[in-house]
Amino acid sequence: MPRYLTSSILGSQCIGDSLVIINNNYDALDTVVYALSTNTIAVTSTATTTPALSTSTTSYPWQKILSVNVNDSSITNAKLAFNGGSLGFRNKIINGDMRIDQRNAGNAVRIGNTTDNLKVQIIDRWKAGAYKRDINGALISVNMASATVQQVAEAPVGFTNSLKYTVTQATTPANGDGYWLYYQFEGYNTEDLKYGTSDAVTTTLSFWVKSSIAGKYSGFIRSNSSIVVAPGDQARTYIYTYNVNSANVWEYKTITIPGDTLTGNIPDGGNGTGIHLLWDLGSGPYWNTPTPNAWVGGNYLYGFTPPLNFAYYRTSDSVNLISTVGATFQITGVQFEKGPTATPFEYRPFGTELALCQRYFEKSYNLNTAVGTLTTDGAFIGYPNALNTIYFANPQISFKAEKRAKPSMVSYNTANGSSATFRADGSPGVAEVDDGQPLFESGTKVAYVGSSTTFGRTSYHRIQWTADAEL
């Protein structure tokens, strides 16, 4: 009779003329040996049931092994994870371990105070927000709190970096005040979640968090749709909650989020923003949800009309970290994946992760050099065709990764950081000078460099540059 292998195969290897397959069954370990010379299979089963182990060996003609059945119950997340290894791009978050910081190289970025910082780029793909508005959405620039946000070399075991938020000026959030960390997904990368249909996919958010203030925290996943199914529903949000049980201790959190099945409310696809993830760090009552752990329309506020630009994203009993000077919040190991269960964090090769980040931002500087640093390392070097021309003989910059969209390009003089001029080389007895005015013409793959004013020197001209195509 046929021999059916009814569980997952652990591994195989060739020994001599035999193929050895080790098969893990719940109550036995089967070693299956196919001998080329005799064209037979020998199965040795070691039973592991109580009270004692027993071993038996049976040989089968090869042609009698007709099929292999795998029990569904034998497939688990732990086995699929290959001891923490990757099945390949299951984590939709880019730079979830906070190890890439092209812009600032670990230097702190200040947000808030008297500036409305709705979107401040911190490390690659991650933003912070500081928002103070009245009931009509108008900016209020007084009594605003402030914080510094930066990549730090402090993290739980298995990680090197985390993103750290430190309150430097506190406030009691009122009305439309809002302070947060957040992440935006490109539409191409979230279309498979099928939001806005009856087949919407359940997802799991997992991360490591450490805060100086214990208590209940909240945040949201927001579906960004330009399709209005019902008033307010173009900004659908699901407000999640989690608890920081102990202050200043790294804790692992997992949150399961059902897919949004509101028919027709499909998040924007393509290269625009599909969905957002947000971690609230202290906000006013205009942002409080009446319904946590459920999808709700988020553009109407307390019955006011017309719709105001306030989306629910917290619960009223969540910690207001922004109210305490010196309070800190750190996060790393962020993973957002399809399915109802968190799997181990997906560690992608550094080069792969950097290339994913460079779709949204790229620079000429060396990787660990902050933008604006005075250096010639990595700079674009152009040579004018002639005096009184605006063209270089070698004008092209080829991007390392195709950009999400046509990038915004900024230049930096290698000697003084100015965006207004190139730095032209000197010669024996002739000093370097600023010359020309950088001008870019770019697509998503290449950019061309010239000058908006004529060159006054035929020598090498240098600038550093950045190309920003962030959401």
Protein backbone atom coordinates (compact mmCIF):
# COMPACT_ATOMS: atom_id res chain seq x y z
CA MET A 1 0.00 0.00 0.00
CA PRO A 2 1.18 3.62 -0.51
CA ARG A 3 3.16 5.35 2.21
CA TYR A 4 1.76 8.82 3.01
CA LEU A 5 3.98 11.40 4.65
CA THR A 6 1.61 13.46 6.75
CA SER A 7 3.67 16.37 8.06
CA SER A 8 6.28 18.95 7.14
CA ILE A 9 9.70 17.99 5.77
CA LEU A 10 12.54 19.33 7.90
CA GLY A 11 15.40 18.85 5.46
CA SER A 12 17.21 16.59 3.00
CA GLN A 13 20.72 15.74 1.88
CA CYS A 14 22.52 13.35 -0.47
CA ILE A 15 24.68 10.62 1.08
CA GLY A 16 26.42 8.38 -1.44
CA ASP A 17 23.79 7.18 -3.90
CA SER A 18 20.93 7.89 -1.47
CA LEU A 19 18.64 10.86 -0.93
CA VAL A 20 17.84 11.20 2.77
CA ILE A 21 14.70 13.13 3.78
CA ILE A 22 13.98 13.80 7.44
CA ASN A 23 10.26 14.15 8.07
CA ASN A 24 8.78 15.54 11.30
CA ASN A 25 5.55 13.89 12.39
CA TYR A 26 3.79 14.78 15.63
CA ASP A 27 4.52 11.42 17.24
CA ALA A 28 7.45 10.26 15.15
CA LEU A 29 10.56 11.29 13.29
CA ASP A 30 10.69 9.57 9.89
CA THR A 31 13.94 9.18 7.98
CA VAL A 32 13.12 8.43 4.36
CA VAL A 33 16.03 7.05 2.29
CA TYR A 34 15.74 6.62 -1.48
CA ALA A 35 18.53 4.38 -2.80
CA LEU A 36 19.38 5.02 -6.45
CA SER A 37 21.07 1.66 -6.87
CA THR A 38 18.05 -0.35 -5.80
CA ASN A 39 15.29 2.12 -6.67
CA THR A 40 13.66 1.56 -3.30
CA ILE A 41 12.71 3.69 -0.32
CA ALA A 42 13.36 2.71 3.28
CA VAL A 43 11.39 4.53 5.98
CA THR A 44 12.74 4.45 9.53
CA SER A 45 10.20 5.73 12.04
CA THR A 46 11.22 6.64 15.58
CA ALA A 47 8.12 6.89 17.74
CA THR A 48 8.25 9.51 20.49
CA THR A 49 5.10 8.57 22.34
CA THR A 50 5.05 7.56 25.98
CA PRO A 51 6.08 5.27 27.54
CA ALA A 52 9.09 4.38 25.39
CA LEU A 53 10.79 5.05 22.08
CA SER A 54 10.66 2.41 19.37
CA THR A 55 12.26 2.21 15.97
CA SER A 56 11.06 0.32 12.90
CA THR A 57 12.29 0.21 9.31
CA THR A 58 10.21 -0.71 6.27
CA SER A 59 11.28 -0.74 2.61
CA TYR A 60 8.95 0.25 -0.23
CA PRO A 61 9.46 0.04 -3.99
CA TRP A 62 9.88 3.62 -5.28
CA GLN A 63 6.93 3.35 -7.68
CA LYS A 64 4.59 2.69 -4.75
CA ILE A 65 5.17 6.15 -3.26
CA LEU A 66 2.21 7.65 -5.07
CA SER A 67 1.56 10.93 -3.20
CA VAL A 68 2.43 13.08 -0.22
CA ASN A 69 -0.22 14.60 2.04
CA VAL A 70 0.59 17.51 4.36
CA ASN A 71 -1.78 18.10 7.25
CA ASP A 72 -2.89 21.75 7.59
CA SER A 73 -2.28 21.50 11.32
CA SER A 74 1.38 20.75 10.66
CA ILE A 75 1.93 24.20 9.10
CA THR A 76 2.52 26.89 11.72
CA ASN A 77 3.79 30.46 11.66
CA ALA A 78 6.90 29.36 13.51
CA LYS A 79 7.73 26.80 10.81
CA LEU A 80 6.97 29.22 8.00
CA ALA A 81 9.26 31.81 9.55
CA PHE A 82 12.28 29.52 9.21
CA ASN A 83 13.60 30.45 12.67
CA GLY A 84 13.13 34.17 12.07
CA GLY A 85 14.27 34.24 8.44
CA SER A 86 12.35 35.86 5.63
CA LEU A 87 9.74 34.39 3.33
CA GLY A 88 10.26 37.52 1.27
CA PHE A 89 8.82 41.00 1.67
CA ARG A 90 5.97 40.15 4.00
CA ASN A 91 6.71 43.33 6.00
CA LYS A 92 5.10 46.29 4.24
CA ILE A 93 7.06 48.75 6.36
CA ILE A 94 10.31 50.05 4.86
CA ASN A 95 13.04 50.85 7.40
CA GLY A 96 11.02 49.36 10.25
CA ASP A 97 14.21 48.74 12.23
CA MET A 98 15.15 52.44 11.96
CA ARG A 99 18.67 51.75 10.70
CA ILE A 100 18.70 54.07 7.66
CA ASP A 101 18.88 57.83 8.19
CA GLN A 102 20.14 59.39 4.96
CA ARG A 103 19.10 62.96 5.77
CA ASN A 104 20.34 63.47 9.30
CA ALA A 105 22.80 60.63 10.10
CA GLY A 106 21.46 60.41 13.65
CA ASN A 107 21.27 64.15 14.33
CA ALA A 108 18.15 65.36 16.14
CA VAL A 109 15.33 67.14 14.31
CA ARG A 110 13.26 69.68 16.24
CA ILE A 111 9.51 69.93 15.71
CA GLY A 112 6.84 72.22 17.14
CA ASN A 113 7.32 75.33 19.30
CA THR A 114 5.93 78.11 17.07
CA THR A 115 5.98 76.18 13.82
CA ASP A 116 3.14 74.05 12.47
CA ASN A 117 5.04 70.89 11.48
CA LEU A 118 2.41 68.63 9.98
CA LYS A 119 4.98 66.55 8.08
CA VAL A 120 8.59 66.57 9.22
CA GLN A 121 10.81 63.90 7.73
CA ILE A 122 13.02 62.32 10.38
CA ILE A 123 14.69 59.09 9.29
CA ASP A 124 13.95 57.42 5.97
CA ARG A 125 10.20 56.86 5.46
CA TRP A 126 9.29 58.09 8.99
CA LYS A 127 7.75 61.45 9.89
CA ALA A 128 6.79 63.35 13.01
CA GLY A 129 3.98 65.86 13.34
CA ALA A 130 3.16 68.87 15.52
CA TYR A 131 -0.19 70.47 14.81
CA LYS A 132 -2.07 73.24 16.65
CA ARG A 133 -5.32 74.39 15.05
CA ASP A 134 -8.60 75.95 16.15
CA ILE A 135 -12.09 74.61 15.42
CA ASN A 136 -11.95 76.13 11.93
CA GLY A 137 -8.62 74.51 11.13
CA ALA A 138 -6.67 77.80 11.37
CA LEU A 139 -3.07 77.69 12.63
CA ILE A 140 -2.42 78.70 16.23
CA SER A 141 1.27 79.46 16.70
CA VAL A 142 1.41 80.23 20.41
CA ASN A 143 1.86 77.89 23.39
CA MET A 144 2.86 75.04 21.12
CA ALA A 145 4.93 72.23 22.57
CA SER A 146 8.15 71.05 20.99
CA ALA A 147 10.19 67.86 20.79
CA THR A 148 13.32 66.42 19.24
CA VAL A 149 13.18 63.25 17.19
CA GLN A 150 16.16 61.22 16.05
CA GLN A 151 17.68 57.86 15.27
CA VAL A 152 19.57 56.49 18.27
CA ALA A 153 21.84 53.48 18.76
CA GLU A 154 19.74 51.96 21.52
CA ALA A 155 17.31 49.12 20.92
CA PRO A 156 16.09 45.75 22.20
CA VAL A 157 18.09 42.59 21.54
CA GLY A 158 18.16 41.80 17.82
CA PHE A 159 18.09 45.44 16.72
CA THR A 160 20.68 48.22 16.56
CA ASN A 161 18.64 51.41 16.24
CA SER A 162 15.38 52.94 17.37
CA LEU A 163 13.52 56.18 16.71
CA LYS A 164 13.47 58.35 19.84
CA TYR A 165 11.02 61.19 20.60
CA THR A 166 11.94 63.54 23.48
CA VAL A 167 9.62 66.30 24.77
CA THR A 168 11.55 69.56 25.16
CA GLN A 169 8.64 71.96 25.79
CA ALA A 170 5.43 70.60 27.28
CA THR A 171 1.79 71.55 26.85
CA THR A 172 -1.64 70.27 27.84
CA PRO A 173 -3.17 69.44 24.46
CA ALA A 174 -6.37 71.32 23.72
CA ASN A 175 -8.85 71.48 20.88
CA GLY A 176 -7.01 70.54 17.66
CA ASP A 177 -3.51 70.10 19.11
CA GLY A 178 -1.78 67.01 17.79
CA TYR A 179 1.64 65.39 18.27
CA TRP A 180 2.55 62.09 16.66
CA LEU A 181 4.85 59.78 14.73
CA TYR A 182 3.60 58.32 11.48
CA TYR A 183 4.29 56.34 8.34
CA GLN A 184 2.74 56.58 4.85
CA PHE A 185 2.41 53.61 2.49
CA GLU A 186 2.62 54.02 -1.25
CA GLY A 187 -0.62 52.91 -2.89
CA TYR A 188 1.08 50.25 -5.02
CA ASN A 189 2.11 48.46 -1.83
CA THR A 190 -1.33 48.30 -0.19
CA GLU A 191 -3.64 47.48 -3.10
CA ASP A 192 -3.46 43.77 -2.19
CA LEU A 193 -5.19 44.49 1.16
CA LYS A 194 -8.47 44.86 -0.79
CA TYR A 195 -9.89 47.53 1.51
CA GLY A 196 -13.30 48.72 0.41
CA THR A 197 -14.43 45.22 -0.59
CA SER A 198 -15.96 42.24 1.16
CA ASP A 199 -12.59 40.49 0.75
CA ALA A 200 -10.65 43.06 2.78
CA VAL A 201 -7.62 41.43 4.39
CA THR A 202 -6.90 41.24 8.12
CA THR A 203 -3.47 42.61 8.99
CA THR A 204 -1.18 42.56 12.02
CA LEU A 205 0.93 45.43 13.31
CA SER A 206 3.82 44.54 15.62
CA PHE A 207 6.57 46.66 17.15
CA TRP A 208 8.89 47.19 20.09
CA VAL A 209 8.21 50.22 22.28
CA LYS A 210 9.86 51.87 25.26
CA SER A 211 8.40 54.91 27.02
CA SER A 212 9.24 56.86 30.15
CA ILE A 213 5.51 57.02 30.96
CA ALA A 214 3.54 53.81 31.44
CA GLY A 215 -0.14 53.64 30.53
CA LYS A 216 -2.57 53.30 27.66
CA TYR A 217 -1.54 54.56 24.22
CA SER A 218 -3.37 54.70 20.92
CA GLY A 219 -2.88 55.30 17.23
CA PHE A 220 -4.56 54.63 13.92
CA ILE A 221 -4.47 53.05 10.54
CA ARG A 222 -6.09 55.42 8.07
CA SER A 223 -7.47 54.56 4.66
CA ASN A 224 -6.76 57.45 2.31
CA SER A 225 -9.44 57.41 -0.38
CA SER A 226 -10.43 60.11 -2.86
CA ILE A 227 -13.75 58.27 -3.38
CA VAL A 228 -16.55 59.63 -1.18
CA VAL A 229 -18.96 56.78 -0.41
CA ALA A 230 -20.68 58.59 2.46
CA PRO A 231 -20.02 61.96 4.16
CA GLY A 232 -16.73 61.74 6.00
CA ASP A 233 -15.90 58.24 4.86
CA GLN A 234 -13.08 59.25 2.52
CA ALA A 235 -10.86 59.35 5.62
CA ARG A 236 -11.68 56.05 7.26
CA THR A 237 -9.71 55.29 10.41
CA TYR A 238 -9.27 52.34 12.73
CA ILE A 239 -8.10 53.45 16.18
CA TYR A 240 -6.03 50.82 17.98
CA THR A 241 -4.84 50.81 21.59
CA TYR A 242 -1.97 49.17 23.47
CA ASN A 243 -0.52 49.37 26.97
CA VAL A 244 3.00 50.27 28.06
CA ASN A 245 3.11 48.20 31.23
CA SER A 246 6.40 49.43 32.70
CA ALA A 247 8.26 52.69 32.22
CA ASN A 248 11.67 52.60 30.51
CA VAL A 249 11.45 48.92 29.54
CA TRP A 250 11.38 47.55 25.99
CA GLU A 251 8.05 45.77 25.38
CA TYR A 252 6.78 43.90 22.31
CA LYS A 253 3.27 44.73 21.07
CA THR A 254 1.03 43.06 18.49
CA ILE A 255 -2.24 44.47 17.18
CA THR A 256 -4.61 42.69 14.80
CA ILE A 257 -6.58 44.99 12.49
CA PRO A 258 -9.56 43.74 10.45
CA GLY A 259 -9.78 44.94 6.87
CA ASP A 260 -12.15 47.78 6.05
CA THR A 261 -15.11 46.23 4.24
CA LEU A 262 -17.08 49.43 3.53
CA THR A 263 -17.96 48.71 -0.09
CA GLY A 264 -16.47 51.14 -2.55
CA ASN A 265 -14.20 52.93 -0.07
CA ILE A 266 -11.02 51.81 -1.81
CA PRO A 267 -7.77 53.49 -0.74
CA ASP A 268 -5.92 55.39 -3.42
CA GLY A 269 -3.57 53.19 -5.39
CA GLY A 270 -0.67 53.91 -7.67
CA ASN A 271 2.24 56.00 -6.46
CA GLY A 272 0.22 58.21 -4.10
CA THR A 273 -0.58 57.58 -0.44
CA GLY A 274 -2.68 54.46 0.14
CA ILE A 275 -2.88 54.19 3.91
CA HIS A 276 -1.23 55.77 6.97
CA LEU A 277 -0.07 54.40 10.31
CA LEU A 278 0.13 56.77 13.28
CA TRP A 279 1.31 56.62 16.90
CA ASP A 280 -0.30 59.33 19.02
CA LEU A 281 1.91 61.11 21.58
CA GLY A 282 -0.59 63.58 22.95
CA SER A 283 -3.51 65.36 21.30
CA GLY A 284 -6.59 67.45 21.99
CA PRO A 285 -10.23 66.31 22.21
CA TYR A 286 -11.03 67.10 18.57
CA TRP A 287 -9.12 63.95 17.65
CA ASN A 288 -10.81 61.60 20.15
CA THR A 289 -12.75 58.71 18.68
CA PRO A 290 -16.12 57.65 20.04
CA THR A 291 -15.51 54.13 18.75
CA PRO A 292 -12.09 52.52 19.30
CA ASN A 293 -11.16 49.20 17.67
CA ALA A 294 -13.54 49.75 14.76
CA TRP A 295 -13.42 51.41 11.35
CA VAL A 296 -15.11 54.82 11.40
CA GLY A 297 -15.46 57.77 9.05
CA GLY A 298 -13.09 60.47 10.22
CA ASN A 299 -13.81 63.83 8.59
CA TYR A 300 -16.82 64.92 10.63
CA LEU A 301 -16.23 66.32 14.09
CA TYR A 302 -18.93 66.56 16.78
CA GLY A 303 -21.60 67.23 14.15
CA PHE A 304 -19.99 70.39 12.74
CA THR A 305 -20.56 71.07 9.06
CA PRO A 306 -19.01 71.38 6.59
CA PRO A 307 -16.56 68.55 7.32
CA LEU A 308 -13.45 69.70 9.13
CA ASN A 309 -10.01 68.26 8.56
CA PHE A 310 -9.84 66.31 11.80
CA ALA A 311 -9.55 62.53 11.58
CA TYR A 312 -10.14 60.38 14.65
CA TYR A 313 -6.89 58.87 15.82
CA ARG A 314 -6.84 58.42 19.60
CA THR A 315 -8.92 57.54 22.63
CA SER A 316 -9.69 60.12 25.31
CA ASP A 317 -7.96 58.07 28.03
CA SER A 318 -4.63 57.72 26.18
CA VAL A 319 -1.37 59.06 27.62
CA ASN A 320 -0.45 62.63 26.66
CA LEU A 321 3.31 62.20 26.50
CA ILE A 322 3.67 65.77 25.21
CA SER A 323 2.52 67.10 28.62
CA THR A 324 5.76 66.09 30.40
CA VAL A 325 9.10 67.82 29.77
CA GLY A 326 11.81 65.23 29.26
CA ALA A 327 9.37 62.39 28.53
CA THR A 328 10.64 59.93 25.93
CA PHE A 329 9.10 57.45 23.51
CA GLN A 330 11.12 54.97 21.44
CA ILE A 331 10.03 52.53 18.77
CA THR A 332 11.68 49.94 16.50
CA GLY A 333 11.10 46.57 14.88
CA VAL A 334 7.89 47.80 13.26
CA GLN A 335 6.20 45.24 11.04
CA PHE A 336 2.87 45.45 9.18
CA GLU A 337 1.83 42.27 7.44
CA LYS A 338 -1.13 40.37 6.06
CA GLY A 339 -2.73 37.82 8.36
CA PRO A 340 -4.08 37.65 11.92
CA THR A 341 -0.79 36.66 13.60
CA ALA A 342 2.53 38.46 13.97
CA THR A 343 5.57 36.66 12.58
CA PRO A 344 9.20 37.37 13.56
CA PHE A 345 10.58 40.63 12.22
CA GLU A 346 11.75 40.38 8.62
CA TYR A 347 15.42 41.31 8.42
CA ARG A 348 16.11 42.27 4.82
CA PRO A 349 19.69 42.74 3.55
CA PHE A 350 20.94 46.26 4.22
CA GLY A 351 21.49 46.96 0.52
CA THR A 352 17.95 45.89 -0.26
CA GLU A 353 16.49 48.12 2.46
CA LEU A 354 18.60 51.08 1.35
CA ALA A 355 17.41 50.68 -2.24
CA LEU A 356 13.79 50.62 -1.05
CA CYS A 357 14.43 53.88 0.83
CA GLN A 358 16.12 55.45 -2.18
CA ARG A 359 12.89 55.20 -4.17
CA TYR A 360 11.76 58.08 -1.95
CA PHE A 361 14.98 59.91 -1.16
CA GLU A 362 18.52 59.84 -2.49
CA LYS A 363 21.60 62.00 -1.96
CA SER A 364 25.08 62.46 -3.37
CA TYR A 365 26.68 62.50 0.09
CA ASN A 366 28.17 59.32 1.55
CA LEU A 367 25.59 57.28 3.44
CA ASN A 368 26.60 58.30 6.97
CA THR A 369 27.16 61.98 6.10
CA ALA A 370 24.31 64.32 7.02
CA VAL A 371 22.85 66.51 4.28
CA GLY A 372 24.43 69.98 4.38
CA THR A 373 27.84 68.80 5.56
CA LEU A 374 30.67 70.71 3.89
CA THR A 375 32.50 68.04 1.92
CA THR A 376 33.37 67.14 -1.66
CA ASP A 377 33.02 63.39 -1.06
CA GLY A 378 30.40 62.03 -3.45
CA ALA A 379 29.69 65.41 -5.04
CA PHE A 380 28.59 65.89 -8.64
CA ILE A 381 31.49 67.19 -10.74
CA GLY A 382 30.73 69.02 -13.97
CA TYR A 383 32.98 70.63 -16.55
CA PRO A 384 31.62 73.53 -18.64
CA ASN A 385 31.79 73.21 -22.39
CA ALA A 386 33.22 76.71 -22.62
CA LEU A 387 33.15 80.11 -21.03
CA ASN A 388 29.84 81.96 -21.09
CA THR A 389 27.82 78.78 -21.46
CA ILE A 390 25.23 77.24 -19.17
CA TYR A 391 25.97 73.63 -20.13
CA PHE A 392 28.27 70.93 -18.78
CA ALA A 393 30.02 68.42 -21.00
CA ASN A 394 28.84 65.70 -18.58
CA PRO A 395 25.46 66.84 -17.23
CA GLN A 396 23.79 63.57 -16.22
CA ILE A 397 23.09 62.15 -12.75
CA SER A 398 21.81 58.55 -12.80
CA PHE A 399 19.73 57.69 -9.74
CA LYS A 400 20.52 54.46 -7.90
CA ALA A 401 16.79 53.69 -7.63
CA GLU A 402 13.89 54.82 -9.79
CA LYS A 403 11.94 57.44 -7.87
CA ARG A 404 8.30 57.19 -6.84
CA ALA A 405 7.64 60.41 -8.76
CA LYS A 406 9.65 63.26 -10.27
CA PRO A 407 11.80 64.32 -7.31
CA SER A 408 12.36 67.74 -5.85
CA MET A 409 16.08 68.44 -6.15
CA VAL A 410 18.17 70.69 -3.93
CA SER A 411 21.85 71.57 -4.35
CA TYR A 412 24.50 72.37 -1.73
CA ASN A 413 27.74 74.24 -2.42
CA THR A 414 30.58 72.02 -1.18
CA ALA A 415 32.37 74.94 0.50
CA ASN A 416 29.55 76.91 2.13
CA GLY A 417 26.36 74.87 1.81
CA SER A 418 24.59 77.46 -0.34
CA SER A 419 22.03 76.23 -2.86
CA ALA A 420 22.70 79.25 -5.09
CA THR A 421 26.09 78.39 -6.61
CA PHE A 422 28.54 75.72 -7.71
CA ARG A 423 32.04 75.62 -6.24
CA ALA A 424 34.54 75.98 -9.08
CA ASP A 425 38.07 74.59 -8.72
CA GLY A 426 41.04 76.89 -8.71
CA SER A 427 44.56 76.33 -10.06
CA PRO A 428 48.06 77.20 -8.85
CA GLY A 429 47.83 80.77 -7.70
CA VAL A 430 44.07 80.96 -8.40
CA ALA A 431 41.57 80.43 -5.59
CA GLU A 432 38.35 78.44 -5.74
CA VAL A 433 35.28 80.54 -6.46
CA ASP A 434 31.49 80.26 -6.47
CA ASP A 435 30.31 80.18 -10.07
CA GLY A 436 27.07 79.58 -11.91
CA GLN A 437 23.67 78.80 -10.43
CA PRO A 438 22.57 75.13 -10.26
CA LEU A 439 19.58 74.14 -12.36
CA PHE A 440 18.10 70.62 -12.47
CA GLU A 441 15.87 68.91 -14.99
CA SER A 442 14.89 65.50 -13.69
CA GLY A 443 12.77 62.47 -14.35
CA THR A 444 12.35 59.41 -12.16
CA LYS A 445 15.55 57.73 -13.38
CA VAL A 446 17.99 60.52 -14.25
CA ALA A 447 18.56 64.22 -13.72
CA TYR A 448 20.45 66.72 -15.84
CA VAL A 449 22.50 69.51 -14.30
CA GLY A 450 23.16 72.89 -15.82
CA SER A 451 23.26 76.52 -14.75
CA SER A 452 20.70 79.30 -14.95
CA THR A 453 23.56 81.79 -15.38
CA THR A 454 26.63 81.53 -17.60
CA PHE A 455 29.84 80.07 -16.22
CA GLY A 456 32.78 82.39 -15.70
CA ARG A 457 35.41 79.70 -15.33
CA THR A 458 36.30 76.54 -17.25
CA SER A 459 37.29 74.26 -14.40
CA TYR A 460 35.60 71.50 -12.49
CA HIS A 461 32.39 72.64 -10.76
CA ARG A 462 31.08 70.73 -7.74
CA ILE A 463 27.81 70.49 -5.84
CA GLN A 464 26.15 68.04 -3.49
CA TRP A 465 22.52 67.24 -4.18
CA THR A 466 19.41 65.56 -2.83
CA ALA A 467 16.43 64.11 -4.72
CA ASP A 468 13.24 63.92 -2.65
CA ALA A 469 10.18 61.97 -3.84
CA GLU A 470 8.63 61.26 -0.43
CA LEU A 471 4.88 61.03 0.05
